[in-house]
């Protein structure tokens, strides 16, 4: 086993969940659904429709540039009891694992959401899940938790189908505080969720927001 693989395995155990969280095994038969890259004017409302239908609350990691364009989606999201996390301002400055001006990207999104909605961001998910030292230090200074994931739906793949997304999520016998990664910018995700959520419920699995796992 390479050193970096060993470090990757040890990090979820060695780092307190208030700093970085992948999952929380203390929450038996529970999953947290999360979304990256929104809000989207068409697909995010469709995702919200499915979540409302099944009475599930989720965590949305938004991009500041999209929040400015589609504030009504954020208002609906908050009114329906979901929570917001920071996913940077543009996402596009990411190159080879380094977010250009990470402090600026994070602070702009935090301030925008606070000014527009009176909402204080407590969670951050780095683009592609690659966390830089500068981003981590920003989160520590601002008492934010870095939220990663333990289950990847792979719904961002170009040819992701409903079957593939659901299959990617049904990869464990038990779901104990797992965080599922989705994206609210495509056609397949809300359709897959409409099948996945009732199946997991039928297996006794409950749902919560990521902040409840921290």
C-alpha atoms as a PDB file:
ATOM      1  CA  UNK A   1       0.000   0.000   0.000  1.00  0.00           C
ATOM      2  CA  UNK A   2       1.353   3.419  -0.958  1.00  0.00           C
ATOM      3  CA  UNK A   3       1.848   6.059   1.752  1.00  0.00           C
ATOM      4  CA  UNK A   4      -0.827   8.333   0.261  1.00  0.00           C
ATOM      5  CA  UNK A   5      -3.347   5.458   0.273  1.00  0.00           C
ATOM      6  CA  UNK A   6      -2.566   4.770   3.930  1.00  0.00           C
ATOM      7  CA  UNK A   7      -3.003   8.442   4.799  1.00  0.00           C
ATOM      8  CA  UNK A   8      -6.318   8.490   2.940  1.00  0.00           C
ATOM      9  CA  UNK A   9      -7.555   5.543   5.003  1.00  0.00           C
ATOM     10  CA  UNK A  10      -6.402   7.036   8.289  1.00  0.00           C
ATOM     11  CA  UNK A  11      -7.737  10.580   7.764  1.00  0.00           C
ATOM     12  CA  UNK A  12     -11.433   9.808   8.467  1.00  0.00           C
ATOM     13  CA  UNK A  13     -10.377   8.195  11.756  1.00  0.00           C
ATOM     14  CA  UNK A  14      -7.707  10.677  12.843  1.00  0.00           C
ATOM     15  CA  UNK A  15      -9.415  13.992  11.978  1.00  0.00           C
ATOM     16  CA  UNK A  16     -12.394  15.114  14.094  1.00  0.00           C
ATOM     17  CA  UNK A  17     -15.665  15.306  12.162  1.00  0.00           C
ATOM     18  CA  UNK A  18     -16.123  18.950  13.108  1.00  0.00           C
ATOM     19  CA  UNK A  19     -13.173  19.672  10.770  1.00  0.00           C
ATOM     20  CA  UNK A  20     -13.642  17.144   7.939  1.00  0.00           C
ATOM     21  CA  UNK A  21     -16.433  14.611   7.534  1.00  0.00           C
ATOM     22  CA  UNK A  22     -16.814  11.699   5.116  1.00  0.00           C
ATOM     23  CA  UNK A  23     -19.473   9.852   7.121  1.00  0.00           C
ATOM     24  CA  UNK A  24     -20.558   9.238  10.709  1.00  0.00           C
ATOM     25  CA  UNK A  25     -20.919   5.521  11.566  1.00  0.00           C
ATOM     26  CA  UNK A  26     -22.673   6.477  14.786  1.00  0.00           C
ATOM     27  CA  UNK A  27     -25.823   7.185  12.775  1.00  0.00           C
ATOM     28  CA  UNK A  28     -27.104   3.677  12.071  1.00  0.00           C
ATOM     29  CA  UNK A  29     -29.330   3.096   9.029  1.00  0.00           C
ATOM     30  CA  UNK A  30     -28.998   6.735   7.962  1.00  0.00           C
ATOM     31  CA  UNK A  31     -27.752   8.514   4.848  1.00  0.00           C
ATOM     32  CA  UNK A  32     -27.297  12.132   3.919  1.00  0.00           C
ATOM     33  CA  UNK A  33     -27.995  13.175   0.342  1.00  0.00           C
ATOM     34  CA  UNK A  34     -25.925  16.047  -1.038  1.00  0.00           C
ATOM     35  CA  UNK A  35     -25.735  17.924  -4.323  1.00  0.00           C
ATOM     36  CA  UNK A  36     -22.926  19.881  -5.990  1.00  0.00           C
ATOM     37  CA  UNK A  37     -22.703  22.627  -8.632  1.00  0.00           C
ATOM     38  CA  UNK A  38     -26.170  24.189  -8.358  1.00  0.00           C
ATOM     39  CA  UNK A  39     -28.470  25.889  -8.261  1.00  0.00           C
ATOM     40  CA  UNK A  40     -29.745  25.097 -11.743  1.00  0.00           C
ATOM     41  CA  UNK A  41     -32.930  26.840 -12.941  1.00  0.00           C
ATOM     42  CA  UNK A  42     -34.513  23.620 -14.279  1.00  0.00           C
ATOM     43  CA  UNK A  43     -32.916  20.605 -12.630  1.00  0.00           C
ATOM     44  CA  UNK A  44     -32.680  21.867  -9.044  1.00  0.00           C
ATOM     45  CA  UNK A  45     -36.464  22.476  -8.843  1.00  0.00           C
ATOM     46  CA  UNK A  46     -36.997  18.970 -10.222  1.00  0.00           C
ATOM     47  CA  UNK A  47     -34.724  17.575  -7.519  1.00  0.00           C
ATOM     48  CA  UNK A  48     -36.631  19.595  -4.914  1.00  0.00           C
ATOM     49  CA  UNK A  49     -39.906  18.162  -6.210  1.00  0.00           C
ATOM     50  CA  UNK A  50     -38.632  14.622  -5.641  1.00  0.00           C
ATOM     51  CA  UNK A  51     -37.266  15.421  -2.176  1.00  0.00           C
ATOM     52  CA  UNK A  52     -40.556  17.049  -1.205  1.00  0.00           C
ATOM     53  CA  UNK A  53     -42.506  14.073  -2.540  1.00  0.00           C
ATOM     54  CA  UNK A  54     -40.562  11.688  -0.289  1.00  0.00           C
ATOM     55  CA  UNK A  55     -40.181  14.103   2.650  1.00  0.00           C
ATOM     56  CA  UNK A  56     -36.371  14.075   2.573  1.00  0.00           C
ATOM     57  CA  UNK A  57     -34.116  16.984   3.550  1.00  0.00           C
ATOM     58  CA  UNK A  58     -30.759  17.357   1.812  1.00  0.00           C
ATOM     59  CA  UNK A  59     -27.618  19.489   1.607  1.00  0.00           C
ATOM     60  CA  UNK A  60     -26.872  21.609  -1.465  1.00  0.00           C
ATOM     61  CA  UNK A  61     -23.313  22.782  -2.129  1.00  0.00           C
ATOM     62  CA  UNK A  62     -23.823  25.810  -4.333  1.00  0.00           C
ATOM     63  CA  UNK A  63     -21.659  27.980  -6.557  1.00  0.00           C
ATOM     64  CA  UNK A  64     -21.844  31.696  -5.826  1.00  0.00           C
ATOM     65  CA  UNK A  65     -22.024  32.589  -9.511  1.00  0.00           C
ATOM     66  CA  UNK A  66     -25.196  30.494  -9.879  1.00  0.00           C
ATOM     67  CA  UNK A  67     -26.728  31.806  -6.672  1.00  0.00           C
ATOM     68  CA  UNK A  68     -26.583  35.332  -8.115  1.00  0.00           C
ATOM     69  CA  UNK A  69     -28.426  34.174 -11.240  1.00  0.00           C
ATOM     70  CA  UNK A  70     -31.099  32.029  -9.608  1.00  0.00           C
ATOM     71  CA  UNK A  71     -31.909  33.398  -6.139  1.00  0.00           C
ATOM     72  CA  UNK A  72     -35.513  32.166  -6.323  1.00  0.00           C
ATOM     73  CA  UNK A  73     -34.269  28.572  -6.346  1.00  0.00           C
ATOM     74  CA  UNK A  74     -32.282  29.213  -3.172  1.00  0.00           C
ATOM     75  CA  UNK A  75     -35.312  30.786  -1.510  1.00  0.00           C
ATOM     76  CA  UNK A  76     -37.404  27.708  -2.296  1.00  0.00           C
ATOM     77  CA  UNK A  77     -34.603  25.405  -1.132  1.00  0.00           C
ATOM     78  CA  UNK A  78     -34.383  27.145   2.238  1.00  0.00           C
ATOM     79  CA  UNK A  79     -38.157  27.438   2.655  1.00  0.00           C
ATOM     80  CA  UNK A  80     -38.446  23.668   2.241  1.00  0.00           C
ATOM     81  CA  UNK A  81     -35.964  22.971   5.029  1.00  0.00           C
ATOM     82  CA  UNK A  82     -32.812  22.066   3.131  1.00  0.00           C
ATOM     83  CA  UNK A  83     -29.361  23.402   3.973  1.00  0.00           C
ATOM     84  CA  UNK A  84     -26.718  25.171   1.905  1.00  0.00           C
ATOM     85  CA  UNK A  85     -22.989  24.565   1.709  1.00  0.00           C
ATOM     86  CA  UNK A  86     -20.221  26.464  -0.070  1.00  0.00           C
ATOM     87  CA  UNK A  87     -18.793  24.889  -3.249  1.00  0.00           C
ATOM     88  CA  UNK A  88     -16.638  27.929  -4.171  1.00  0.00           C
ATOM     89  CA  UNK A  89     -17.747  30.893  -6.273  1.00  0.00           C
ATOM     90  CA  UNK A  90     -16.906  29.843  -9.838  1.00  0.00           C
ATOM     91  CA  UNK A  91     -15.506  26.279  -9.746  1.00  0.00           C
ATOM     92  CA  UNK A  92     -13.723  27.192 -12.994  1.00  0.00           C
ATOM     93  CA  UNK A  93     -10.507  28.356 -11.356  1.00  0.00           C
ATOM     94  CA  UNK A  94      -9.671  24.795 -10.414  1.00  0.00           C
ATOM     95  CA  UNK A  95      -6.508  23.435 -12.045  1.00  0.00           C
ATOM     96  CA  UNK A  96      -4.449  20.447 -10.979  1.00  0.00           C
ATOM     97  CA  UNK A  97      -5.929  20.385  -7.502  1.00  0.00           C
ATOM     98  CA  UNK A  98      -5.402  24.075  -6.709  1.00  0.00           C
ATOM     99  CA  UNK A  99      -8.304  26.514  -6.432  1.00  0.00           C
ATOM    100  CA  UNK A 100      -7.109  29.937  -7.511  1.00  0.00           C
ATOM    101  CA  UNK A 101      -7.588  32.479  -4.706  1.00  0.00           C
ATOM    102  CA  UNK A 102      -9.405  30.001  -2.436  1.00  0.00           C
ATOM    103  CA  UNK A 103      -9.975  32.544   0.349  1.00  0.00           C
ATOM    104  CA  UNK A 104     -11.655  34.885  -2.122  1.00  0.00           C
ATOM    105  CA  UNK A 105     -13.744  32.110  -3.693  1.00  0.00           C
ATOM    106  CA  UNK A 106     -15.027  30.930  -0.320  1.00  0.00           C
ATOM    107  CA  UNK A 107     -15.510  34.334   1.290  1.00  0.00           C
ATOM    108  CA  UNK A 108     -17.405  35.733  -1.714  1.00  0.00           C
ATOM    109  CA  UNK A 109     -19.908  32.884  -1.627  1.00  0.00           C
ATOM    110  CA  UNK A 110     -20.292  33.059   2.160  1.00  0.00           C
ATOM    111  CA  UNK A 111     -20.910  36.817   2.044  1.00  0.00           C
ATOM    112  CA  UNK A 112     -23.279  36.601  -0.921  1.00  0.00           C
ATOM    113  CA  UNK A 113     -25.519  34.056   0.773  1.00  0.00           C
ATOM    114  CA  UNK A 114     -25.440  35.905   4.088  1.00  0.00           C
ATOM    115  CA  UNK A 115     -26.305  39.240   2.437  1.00  0.00           C
ATOM    116  CA  UNK A 116     -29.027  37.852   0.170  1.00  0.00           C
ATOM    117  CA  UNK A 117     -30.696  35.341   2.480  1.00  0.00           C
ATOM    118  CA  UNK A 118     -29.386  35.978   6.000  1.00  0.00           C
ATOM    119  CA  UNK A 119     -27.988  32.447   5.981  1.00  0.00           C
ATOM    120  CA  UNK A 120     -24.625  31.604   7.547  1.00  0.00           C
ATOM    121  CA  UNK A 121     -22.665  28.912   5.723  1.00  0.00           C
ATOM    122  CA  UNK A 122     -21.220  26.174   7.945  1.00  0.00           C
ATOM    123  CA  UNK A 123     -20.183  23.557   5.373  1.00  0.00           C
ATOM    124  CA  UNK A 124     -17.690  23.552   2.502  1.00  0.00           C
ATOM    125  CA  UNK A 125     -17.144  21.006  -0.230  1.00  0.00           C
ATOM    126  CA  UNK A 126     -14.069  21.647  -2.386  1.00  0.00           C
ATOM    127  CA  UNK A 127     -14.461  21.259  -6.154  1.00  0.00           C
ATOM    128  CA  UNK A 128     -13.653  17.670  -7.159  1.00  0.00           C
ATOM    129  CA  UNK A 129     -13.210  16.941  -3.453  1.00  0.00           C
ATOM    130  CA  UNK A 130      -9.596  18.118  -3.596  1.00  0.00           C
ATOM    131  CA  UNK A 131      -8.861  20.115  -0.454  1.00  0.00           C
ATOM    132  CA  UNK A 132      -5.934  22.522  -0.403  1.00  0.00           C
ATOM    133  CA  UNK A 133      -4.152  23.675   2.735  1.00  0.00           C
ATOM    134  CA  UNK A 134      -5.295  27.263   2.137  1.00  0.00           C
ATOM    135  CA  UNK A 135      -8.935  26.191   1.834  1.00  0.00           C
ATOM    136  CA  UNK A 136      -8.667  24.084   4.983  1.00  0.00           C
ATOM    137  CA  UNK A 137      -7.124  26.971   6.929  1.00  0.00           C
ATOM    138  CA  UNK A 138      -9.935  29.261   5.761  1.00  0.00           C
ATOM    139  CA  UNK A 139     -12.502  26.769   7.031  1.00  0.00           C
ATOM    140  CA  UNK A 140     -10.735  26.406  10.373  1.00  0.00           C
ATOM    141  CA  UNK A 141     -10.608  30.175  10.853  1.00  0.00           C
ATOM    142  CA  UNK A 142     -14.288  30.522   9.965  1.00  0.00           C
ATOM    143  CA  UNK A 143     -15.474  27.470  11.905  1.00  0.00           C
ATOM    144  CA  UNK A 144     -16.649  25.661   8.782  1.00  0.00           C
ATOM    145  CA  UNK A 145     -16.662  21.898   8.333  1.00  0.00           C
ATOM    146  CA  UNK A 146     -15.270  20.350   5.149  1.00  0.00           C
ATOM    147  CA  UNK A 147     -17.860  17.845   3.927  1.00  0.00           C
ATOM    148  CA  UNK A 148     -16.744  15.101   1.576  1.00  0.00           C
ATOM    149  CA  UNK A 149     -18.631  11.880   0.806  1.00  0.00           C
ATOM    150  CA  UNK A 150     -18.519   8.119   1.237  1.00  0.00           C
ATOM    151  CA  UNK A 151     -20.776   7.155  -1.712  1.00  0.00           C
ATOM    152  CA  UNK A 152     -20.392   8.603  -5.219  1.00  0.00           C
ATOM    153  CA  UNK A 153     -23.457   8.325  -7.464  1.00  0.00           C
ATOM    154  CA  UNK A 154     -21.319   9.080 -10.566  1.00  0.00           C
ATOM    155  CA  UNK A 155     -24.244  11.062 -11.968  1.00  0.00           C
ATOM    156  CA  UNK A 156     -21.773  13.567 -13.434  1.00  0.00           C
ATOM    157  CA  UNK A 157     -20.609  11.055 -16.047  1.00  0.00           C
ATOM    158  CA  UNK A 158     -21.663  11.962 -19.590  1.00  0.00           C
ATOM    159  CA  UNK A 159     -23.558   8.716 -20.144  1.00  0.00           C
ATOM    160  CA  UNK A 160     -24.886   8.314 -16.601  1.00  0.00           C
ATOM    161  CA  UNK A 161     -28.221   6.499 -16.696  1.00  0.00           C
ATOM    162  CA  UNK A 162     -30.848   6.064 -14.009  1.00  0.00           C
ATOM    163  CA  UNK A 163     -29.832   2.426 -13.582  1.00  0.00           C
ATOM    164  CA  UNK A 164     -26.141   3.289 -13.277  1.00  0.00           C
ATOM    165  CA  UNK A 165     -26.777   6.024 -10.720  1.00  0.00           C
ATOM    166  CA  UNK A 166     -28.993   3.833  -8.558  1.00  0.00           C
ATOM    167  CA  UNK A 167     -26.530   0.932  -8.816  1.00  0.00           C
ATOM    168  CA  UNK A 168     -23.637   3.179  -7.764  1.00  0.00           C
ATOM    169  CA  UNK A 169     -25.571   4.138  -4.622  1.00  0.00           C
ATOM    170  CA  UNK A 170     -26.623   0.585  -3.719  1.00  0.00           C
ATOM    171  CA  UNK A 171     -23.039  -0.421  -3.038  1.00  0.00           C
ATOM    172  CA  UNK A 172     -23.286  -1.287   0.661  1.00  0.00           C
ATOM    173  CA  UNK A 173     -25.169  -3.715   2.848  1.00  0.00           C
ATOM    174  CA  UNK A 174     -25.504  -1.119   5.602  1.00  0.00           C
ATOM    175  CA  UNK A 175     -25.761   2.635   5.426  1.00  0.00           C
ATOM    176  CA  UNK A 176     -24.478   4.088   8.670  1.00  0.00           C
ATOM    177  CA  UNK A 177     -24.111   7.842   8.449  1.00  0.00           C
ATOM    178  CA  UNK A 178     -23.011   7.744   4.821  1.00  0.00           C
ATOM    179  CA  UNK A 179     -22.909  10.866   2.656  1.00  0.00           C
ATOM    180  CA  UNK A 180     -24.078  10.441  -0.931  1.00  0.00           C
ATOM    181  CA  UNK A 181     -22.743  12.704  -3.682  1.00  0.00           C
ATOM    182  CA  UNK A 182     -25.094  13.874  -6.454  1.00  0.00           C
ATOM    183  CA  UNK A 183     -25.256  16.840  -8.841  1.00  0.00           C
ATOM    184  CA  UNK A 184     -28.399  18.888  -9.509  1.00  0.00           C
ATOM    185  CA  UNK A 185     -27.570  19.828 -13.098  1.00  0.00           C
ATOM    186  CA  UNK A 186     -28.761  16.893 -15.205  1.00  0.00           C
ATOM    187  CA  UNK A 187     -31.909  15.026 -16.265  1.00  0.00           C
ATOM    188  CA  UNK A 188     -31.069  11.646 -14.764  1.00  0.00           C
ATOM    189  CA  UNK A 189     -30.487  12.568 -11.116  1.00  0.00           C
ATOM    190  CA  UNK A 190     -34.069  13.445 -10.065  1.00  0.00           C
ATOM    191  CA  UNK A 191     -35.406  10.348 -11.838  1.00  0.00           C
ATOM    192  CA  UNK A 192     -32.822   8.150 -10.122  1.00  0.00           C
ATOM    193  CA  UNK A 193     -33.628   9.670  -6.737  1.00  0.00           C
ATOM    194  CA  UNK A 194     -37.318   8.959  -7.266  1.00  0.00           C
ATOM    195  CA  UNK A 195     -36.411   5.271  -7.404  1.00  0.00           C
ATOM    196  CA  UNK A 196     -33.562   5.218  -4.898  1.00  0.00           C
ATOM    197  CA  UNK A 197     -35.212   7.019  -1.976  1.00  0.00           C
ATOM    198  CA  UNK A 198     -38.302   4.793  -1.635  1.00  0.00           C
ATOM    199  CA  UNK A 199     -36.147   1.677  -1.994  1.00  0.00           C
ATOM    200  CA  UNK A 200     -33.801   2.771   0.796  1.00  0.00           C
ATOM    201  CA  UNK A 201     -36.801   3.671   2.961  1.00  0.00           C
ATOM    202  CA  UNK A 202     -38.211   0.196   2.385  1.00  0.00           C
ATOM    203  CA  UNK A 203     -34.916  -1.152   3.801  1.00  0.00           C
ATOM    204  CA  UNK A 204     -35.311   0.900   6.957  1.00  0.00           C
ATOM    205  CA  UNK A 205     -32.864   3.635   5.972  1.00  0.00           C
ATOM    206  CA  UNK A 206     -33.537   7.179   7.185  1.00  0.00           C
ATOM    207  CA  UNK A 207     -32.312  10.510   5.847  1.00  0.00           C
ATOM    208  CA  UNK A 208     -30.758  13.610   7.387  1.00  0.00           C
ATOM    209  CA  UNK A 209     -28.791  16.712   6.450  1.00  0.00           C
ATOM    210  CA  UNK A 210     -25.001  16.642   6.688  1.00  0.00           C
ATOM    211  CA  UNK A 211     -24.981  19.131   9.581  1.00  0.00           C
ATOM    212  CA  UNK A 212     -26.747  16.489  11.677  1.00  0.00           C
ATOM    213  CA  UNK A 213     -23.836  14.086  11.104  1.00  0.00           C
ATOM    214  CA  UNK A 214     -21.152  16.564  12.162  1.00  0.00           C
END
